[in-house]
Amino acid sequence: MRAWVVTRPGPAEEEPLRLVERPVPAPGEGELLVRVRACGVCRTDLHVTEGDLPEHRPEVTPGHEVVGEVAATGPGADADAWAPGDRVGVAWLRDTDGTCRFCLRGDENLCPASRYTGWDADGGYAQYTTVPAAFAYRLPPDVDDVALAPLLCAGIIGYRALLRTSLPPGGRLGLYGFGGSAHLCAQVALAQGATVHVLTRDEAARRLALALGCASAGGARDRPPEPLDAAILFAPAGDLVPVALRALDRGGVLAVAGIHLSDVPVLHYEDELFYEKELRSVTSNTRRDGREFLGIAARHGVRATTHPYPLSEAPRALRDLKAGRFDGAAVLVDDL
């Protein structure tokens, strides 16, 4: 099979990815072999290839928003649950130990032994990948592969971030940055009755926000037209943390959705944290989050705005993501 690997992490412009020929992987104990039909391009892939995240697996194949079909089942995989030809989704969280105190209390996203697709194990920038059957997702039959792919990370982590804000019913939500994850999160919040204000530097993203029904769309450092009950920072820019905190009303919560964030400047307590404002991080997601989100997406018709790229042009897709050359999300489709 053909697969992209990170030869040496570095700037996307310096081509850290290399296309190689590899054997089709054999599914291990309890795993599924998946023929990749589409793979979303996530900002986390950019962090892996550029070295913002520490290297976990040399020459890893990125990609963790995979829509595919089961090609084979490994020993110990439940043959009654999965069979060759079944449609399957592969997401960021690959496995956990299932025995630590975090797993036992339902917070498997905090498991110290957690492993991730496209970082600890080879992912979907390839023609085949594997996934533990217990961490695979069943997908709705009525949505095409390209539209589904971004839901498997961008959608799920956006939903997790929304939960972390404790947004009250009918509340006012601010979204800082409006890429693949934020434009899906906005649709969920709107469906739940929230008023959504978008703050982003990208003009095309502002147009998309308004088209989706957001109440306003301004620049990343603009003050929203009303105080916010909650906000989510999707842009990996730590200098926006105090900007977003100042936009919160009393008791408001800011959730930081990214796995990587540039340094946060010194905060001014009275302006940015007083009146019981809260700053929360978001770490991965649980499988429960994933199942809940996919159900909500199906019920409310949450759809990704997508830009397909041939798998052979994966490096260009990453460069375009970094440069902000598209709204919504890029998706790789096999042409190799």
Protein backbone atom coordinates (compact mmCIF):
# COMPACT_ATOMS: atom_id res chain seq x y z
CA MET A 1 0.00 0.00 0.00
CA ARG A 2 1.02 3.65 -0.32
CA ALA A 3 1.30 5.78 2.80
CA TRP A 4 2.62 9.19 3.82
CA VAL A 5 5.12 9.23 6.69
CA VAL A 6 6.70 12.04 8.70
CA THR A 7 10.37 11.62 7.85
CA ARG A 8 11.55 14.43 10.10
CA PRO A 9 9.17 16.91 11.76
CA GLY A 10 9.54 20.41 10.37
CA PRO A 11 7.69 23.28 8.69
CA ALA A 12 5.04 22.14 6.21
CA GLU A 13 6.75 24.23 3.53
CA GLU A 14 9.85 22.04 3.86
CA GLU A 15 7.97 18.83 2.96
CA PRO A 16 8.24 16.77 6.18
CA LEU A 17 5.98 14.11 4.60
CA ARG A 18 7.30 11.41 2.25
CA LEU A 19 5.23 8.95 0.21
CA VAL A 20 6.38 5.36 0.76
CA GLU A 21 5.38 1.81 -0.07
CA ARG A 22 4.52 -0.29 2.98
CA PRO A 23 2.96 -3.71 3.54
CA VAL A 24 -0.75 -3.68 4.32
CA PRO A 25 -0.80 -3.89 8.14
CA ALA A 26 -2.12 -7.04 9.78
CA PRO A 27 -4.82 -6.38 12.38
CA GLY A 28 -3.64 -7.32 15.86
CA GLU A 29 -5.56 -8.81 18.76
CA GLY A 30 -9.01 -7.23 18.89
CA GLU A 31 -8.31 -4.93 15.92
CA LEU A 32 -9.93 -4.21 12.59
CA LEU A 33 -8.08 -3.68 9.32
CA VAL A 34 -9.67 -0.68 7.61
CA ARG A 35 -9.57 0.23 3.93
CA VAL A 36 -9.42 4.03 4.03
CA ARG A 37 -11.98 5.77 1.82
CA ALA A 38 -11.57 9.31 3.17
CA CYS A 39 -9.43 10.99 5.83
CA GLY A 40 -9.93 14.49 7.16
CA VAL A 41 -7.01 16.87 7.51
CA CYS A 42 -6.90 18.09 11.11
CA ARG A 43 -4.77 20.84 12.62
CA THR A 44 -3.38 18.19 14.97
CA ASP A 45 -1.87 16.52 11.88
CA LEU A 46 -0.07 19.78 11.24
CA HIS A 47 1.21 19.84 14.83
CA VAL A 48 2.49 16.25 14.43
CA THR A 49 4.24 16.89 11.12
CA GLU A 50 5.76 20.22 12.17
CA GLY A 51 6.98 18.97 15.55
CA ASP A 52 4.75 21.11 17.77
CA LEU A 53 3.87 17.80 19.43
CA PRO A 54 6.74 15.56 20.57
CA GLU A 55 7.51 12.59 18.35
CA HIS A 56 5.85 9.43 19.66
CA ARG A 57 6.44 7.09 16.72
CA PRO A 58 9.26 7.56 14.20
CA GLU A 59 8.03 7.91 10.63
CA VAL A 60 4.40 7.86 11.73
CA THR A 61 1.57 8.09 9.21
CA PRO A 62 -0.69 10.98 10.30
CA GLY A 63 -4.47 11.13 10.06
CA HIS A 64 -7.25 10.40 12.54
CA GLU A 65 -10.50 11.37 10.85
CA VAL A 66 -10.92 8.15 8.89
CA VAL A 67 -13.99 6.87 7.10
CA GLY A 68 -13.45 3.42 5.67
CA GLU A 69 -14.68 -0.11 5.46
CA VAL A 70 -13.63 -3.18 7.41
CA ALA A 71 -11.25 -5.24 5.26
CA ALA A 72 -10.48 -7.92 7.85
CA THR A 73 -10.87 -8.64 11.55
CA GLY A 74 -8.02 -9.62 13.84
CA PRO A 75 -8.05 -12.42 16.41
CA GLY A 76 -10.34 -11.62 19.31
CA ALA A 77 -12.37 -9.00 17.42
CA ASP A 78 -16.10 -9.53 17.91
CA ALA A 79 -17.21 -11.17 14.65
CA ASP A 80 -20.84 -10.49 15.57
CA ALA A 81 -20.15 -6.76 15.91
CA TRP A 82 -17.92 -6.17 12.88
CA ALA A 83 -17.62 -7.92 9.54
CA PRO A 84 -15.74 -7.24 6.30
CA GLY A 85 -17.53 -4.55 4.30
CA ASP A 86 -18.95 -2.73 7.33
CA ARG A 87 -18.60 1.05 7.26
CA VAL A 88 -16.37 2.23 10.10
CA GLY A 89 -14.98 5.43 11.59
CA VAL A 90 -11.52 5.79 13.12
CA ALA A 91 -10.91 8.74 15.44
CA TRP A 92 -8.11 10.34 17.48
CA LEU A 93 -8.43 8.32 20.70
CA ARG A 94 -7.05 4.87 19.82
CA ASP A 95 -7.03 3.05 23.15
CA THR A 96 -6.69 3.37 26.92
CA ASP A 97 -5.77 0.95 29.71
CA GLY A 98 -9.38 0.75 30.94
CA THR A 99 -8.18 0.13 34.50
CA CYS A 100 -6.82 3.43 35.83
CA ARG A 101 -8.88 5.65 38.13
CA PHE A 102 -9.67 8.01 35.27
CA CYS A 103 -11.03 5.25 33.03
CA LEU A 104 -12.99 3.72 35.89
CA ARG A 105 -14.72 7.01 36.67
CA GLY A 106 -15.62 7.64 33.00
CA ASP A 107 -12.80 10.07 32.16
CA GLU A 108 -10.87 7.86 29.75
CA ASN A 109 -9.64 10.96 27.91
CA LEU A 110 -7.37 11.57 30.92
CA CYS A 111 -5.91 8.04 30.98
CA PRO A 112 -2.10 8.29 31.38
CA ALA A 113 -1.72 5.27 29.07
CA SER A 114 -3.98 6.63 26.31
CA ARG A 115 -2.73 6.27 22.74
CA TYR A 116 -3.71 8.20 19.62
CA THR A 117 -4.24 7.47 15.94
CA GLY A 118 -1.73 9.21 13.71
CA TRP A 119 0.62 9.94 16.61
CA ASP A 120 1.23 6.73 18.58
CA ALA A 121 0.04 4.48 15.75
CA ASP A 122 -0.16 4.89 11.98
CA GLY A 123 -3.25 6.70 10.79
CA GLY A 124 -5.28 7.49 7.72
CA TYR A 125 -2.90 9.25 5.32
CA ALA A 126 -2.64 5.81 3.73
CA GLN A 127 -4.68 3.24 1.88
CA TYR A 128 -5.12 1.05 4.97
CA THR A 129 -4.98 1.51 8.72
CA THR A 130 -5.96 -0.45 11.83
CA VAL A 131 -8.12 0.36 14.83
CA PRO A 132 -9.02 -1.50 18.03
CA ALA A 133 -12.59 -2.65 17.46
CA ALA A 134 -13.65 -1.26 20.84
CA PHE A 135 -12.62 2.25 19.70
CA ALA A 136 -14.18 2.14 16.22
CA TYR A 137 -17.35 4.06 15.42
CA ARG A 138 -20.40 2.99 13.50
CA LEU A 139 -21.39 5.65 10.99
CA PRO A 140 -24.75 6.75 9.58
CA PRO A 141 -25.49 5.29 6.14
CA ASP A 142 -26.96 8.43 4.58
CA VAL A 143 -23.92 10.77 4.66
CA ASP A 144 -21.08 10.49 2.15
CA ASP A 145 -17.51 9.66 3.18
CA VAL A 146 -16.05 13.13 2.60
CA ALA A 147 -18.76 14.87 4.61
CA LEU A 148 -18.40 12.42 7.50
CA ALA A 149 -14.63 12.45 7.89
CA PRO A 150 -14.22 15.80 9.74
CA LEU A 151 -16.89 14.80 12.24
CA LEU A 152 -14.55 12.14 13.65
CA CYS A 153 -12.21 14.61 15.32
CA ALA A 154 -13.09 18.20 14.50
CA GLY A 155 -16.71 17.48 15.32
CA ILE A 156 -16.13 15.35 18.39
CA ILE A 157 -13.55 17.65 19.98
CA GLY A 158 -15.72 20.70 19.25
CA TYR A 159 -18.56 18.97 21.06
CA ARG A 160 -16.27 18.14 23.99
CA ALA A 161 -15.17 21.78 24.13
CA LEU A 162 -18.80 22.91 24.12
CA LEU A 163 -19.55 20.62 27.07
CA ARG A 164 -16.55 22.06 28.92
CA THR A 165 -17.98 25.58 28.70
CA SER A 166 -21.10 24.69 30.72
CA LEU A 167 -23.03 27.00 28.38
CA PRO A 168 -26.45 27.71 29.92
CA PRO A 169 -29.60 27.07 27.85
CA GLY A 170 -30.08 29.88 25.36
CA GLY A 171 -26.67 31.26 26.27
CA ARG A 172 -24.30 33.52 24.35
CA LEU A 173 -21.29 31.67 22.97
CA GLY A 174 -18.15 33.12 21.39
CA LEU A 175 -15.97 31.07 19.04
CA TYR A 176 -12.40 32.29 18.51
CA GLY A 177 -11.13 30.81 15.26
CA PHE A 178 -13.54 29.26 12.80
CA GLY A 179 -11.98 26.29 11.05
CA GLY A 180 -12.95 22.64 10.80
CA SER A 181 -13.87 22.14 14.45
CA ALA A 182 -15.50 25.49 15.18
CA HIS A 183 -17.88 25.44 12.22
CA LEU A 184 -19.24 22.07 13.39
CA CYS A 185 -19.42 23.17 17.03
CA ALA A 186 -21.37 26.26 15.95
CA GLN A 187 -24.01 24.09 14.29
CA VAL A 188 -24.49 22.05 17.46
CA ALA A 189 -24.73 25.17 19.64
CA LEU A 190 -27.22 26.80 17.26
CA ALA A 191 -29.34 23.65 17.19
CA GLN A 192 -29.41 23.76 21.01
CA GLY A 193 -30.70 27.35 21.00
CA ALA A 194 -27.51 29.31 21.68
CA THR A 195 -26.63 32.71 20.23
CA VAL A 196 -23.24 32.31 18.56
CA HIS A 197 -20.71 35.06 17.88
CA VAL A 198 -17.64 34.24 15.78
CA LEU A 199 -14.28 36.02 16.12
CA THR A 200 -11.74 35.14 13.45
CA ARG A 201 -9.16 36.82 11.24
CA ASP A 202 -10.31 34.94 8.13
CA GLU A 203 -12.86 36.71 5.93
CA ALA A 204 -14.10 33.52 4.21
CA ALA A 205 -14.65 31.93 7.62
CA ARG A 206 -16.68 34.96 8.72
CA ARG A 207 -18.90 34.59 5.66
CA LEU A 208 -19.38 30.89 6.43
CA ALA A 209 -20.29 31.70 10.04
CA LEU A 210 -23.02 34.09 8.98
CA ALA A 211 -24.29 31.62 6.36
CA LEU A 212 -24.64 28.99 9.08
CA GLY A 213 -26.77 31.33 11.20
CA CYS A 214 -24.31 32.83 13.66
CA ALA A 215 -25.43 36.17 15.09
CA SER A 216 -22.21 38.03 14.27
CA ALA A 217 -18.76 37.49 12.78
CA GLY A 218 -15.93 39.86 13.56
CA GLY A 219 -12.17 40.01 13.74
CA ALA A 220 -10.27 37.81 16.18
CA ARG A 221 -9.53 40.72 18.53
CA ASP A 222 -12.84 42.51 18.17
CA ARG A 223 -15.19 42.82 21.11
CA PRO A 224 -18.36 40.78 20.47
CA PRO A 225 -21.60 42.79 20.35
CA GLU A 226 -22.70 41.48 23.76
CA PRO A 227 -21.02 39.90 26.79
CA LEU A 228 -20.51 36.15 26.45
CA ASP A 229 -21.70 33.43 28.82
CA ALA A 230 -19.02 31.14 27.39
CA ALA A 231 -16.31 31.04 24.75
CA ILE A 232 -14.15 28.46 23.04
CA LEU A 233 -10.67 29.19 21.73
CA PHE A 234 -10.03 27.04 18.67
CA ALA A 235 -7.15 29.08 17.24
CA PRO A 236 -3.76 27.86 18.60
CA ALA A 237 -2.92 31.42 19.68
CA GLY A 238 -2.28 31.91 23.38
CA ASP A 239 -2.36 35.68 23.03
CA LEU A 240 -6.13 35.40 22.40
CA VAL A 241 -6.76 33.96 25.87
CA PRO A 242 -6.91 37.36 27.63
CA VAL A 243 -8.91 38.77 24.69
CA ALA A 244 -11.55 36.06 25.11
CA LEU A 245 -11.57 36.32 28.91
CA ARG A 246 -12.28 40.05 28.71
CA ALA A 247 -15.27 39.29 26.47
CA LEU A 248 -16.88 37.02 29.08
CA ASP A 249 -19.72 38.13 31.30
CA ARG A 250 -19.55 37.47 35.05
CA GLY A 251 -19.28 33.75 35.74
CA GLY A 252 -18.36 32.99 32.13
CA VAL A 253 -16.15 30.09 31.05
CA LEU A 254 -13.44 29.97 28.39
CA ALA A 255 -12.50 26.52 27.10
CA VAL A 256 -9.28 26.07 25.12
CA ALA A 257 -9.95 23.38 22.52
CA GLY A 258 -6.55 22.81 20.91
CA ILE A 259 -3.94 20.18 21.76
CA HIS A 260 -1.25 22.81 21.19
CA LEU A 261 -1.28 26.49 22.17
CA SER A 262 1.34 29.19 21.94
CA ASP A 263 2.33 30.83 25.23
CA VAL A 264 -0.37 32.68 27.12
CA PRO A 265 0.64 36.22 28.16
CA VAL A 266 0.41 37.45 31.73
CA LEU A 267 -3.22 37.78 32.76
CA HIS A 268 -4.63 40.85 34.50
CA TYR A 269 -6.68 39.47 37.38
CA GLU A 270 -9.30 42.21 37.70
CA ASP A 271 -10.03 42.53 33.97
CA GLU A 272 -9.70 38.92 32.90
CA LEU A 273 -10.36 36.53 35.81
CA PHE A 274 -12.32 38.35 38.52
CA TYR A 275 -16.08 37.86 38.93
CA GLU A 276 -15.64 34.08 38.90
CA LYS A 277 -14.62 33.73 35.30
CA GLU A 278 -13.04 30.35 34.54
CA LEU A 279 -10.34 29.13 32.14
CA ARG A 280 -10.55 25.43 31.25
CA SER A 281 -8.56 23.16 28.98
CA VAL A 282 -9.92 20.39 26.77
CA THR A 283 -8.09 17.06 26.53
CA SER A 284 -9.08 14.66 23.78
CA ASN A 285 -12.51 13.07 24.23
CA THR A 286 -14.23 9.99 25.52
CA ARG A 287 -15.95 7.44 23.33
CA ARG A 288 -19.18 8.56 24.98
CA ASP A 289 -18.53 12.07 23.63
CA GLY A 290 -18.04 10.62 20.16
CA ARG A 291 -21.23 8.59 20.20
CA GLU A 292 -23.25 11.49 21.60
CA PHE A 293 -21.92 13.90 19.01
CA LEU A 294 -22.52 11.59 16.06
CA GLY A 295 -26.10 11.12 17.28
CA ILE A 296 -26.64 14.87 17.61
CA ALA A 297 -25.10 15.45 14.19
CA ALA A 298 -27.45 12.92 12.63
CA ARG A 299 -30.54 14.37 14.33
CA HIS A 300 -29.77 18.01 13.51
CA GLY A 301 -28.14 17.58 10.10
CA VAL A 302 -24.72 18.89 11.20
CA ARG A 303 -22.59 18.96 8.07
CA ALA A 304 -18.98 19.82 7.39
CA THR A 305 -18.04 22.31 4.70
CA THR A 306 -15.40 20.27 2.90
CA HIS A 307 -12.65 20.64 0.32
CA PRO A 308 -11.51 17.30 -1.12
CA TYR A 309 -7.83 16.75 -1.96
CA PRO A 310 -6.34 13.66 -3.62
CA LEU A 311 -4.36 11.57 -1.14
CA SER A 312 -1.35 12.11 -3.41
CA GLU A 313 -1.52 15.83 -2.50
CA ALA A 314 -1.57 15.46 1.28
CA PRO A 315 1.40 17.84 1.74
CA ARG A 316 -0.44 20.55 -0.20
CA ALA A 317 -3.53 20.08 1.96
CA LEU A 318 -1.43 20.64 5.10
CA ARG A 319 0.22 23.73 3.63
CA ASP A 320 -3.18 25.13 2.67
CA LEU A 321 -4.51 24.43 6.17
CA LYS A 322 -1.57 26.25 7.70
CA ALA A 323 -2.02 29.23 5.37
CA GLY A 324 -5.80 29.38 5.90
CA ARG A 325 -6.54 28.92 2.21
CA PHE A 326 -9.92 27.26 2.76
CA ASP A 327 -12.89 27.51 5.07
CA GLY A 328 -14.32 24.43 6.76
CA ALA A 329 -12.17 21.30 6.44
CA ALA A 330 -9.95 19.50 3.91
CA VAL A 331 -10.48 15.79 3.27
CA LEU A 332 -8.09 13.37 1.53
CA VAL A 333 -9.56 10.89 -0.94
CA ASP A 334 -7.50 7.97 -2.22
CA ASP A 335 -6.21 8.38 -5.76
CA LEU A 336 -3.08 6.19 -5.42
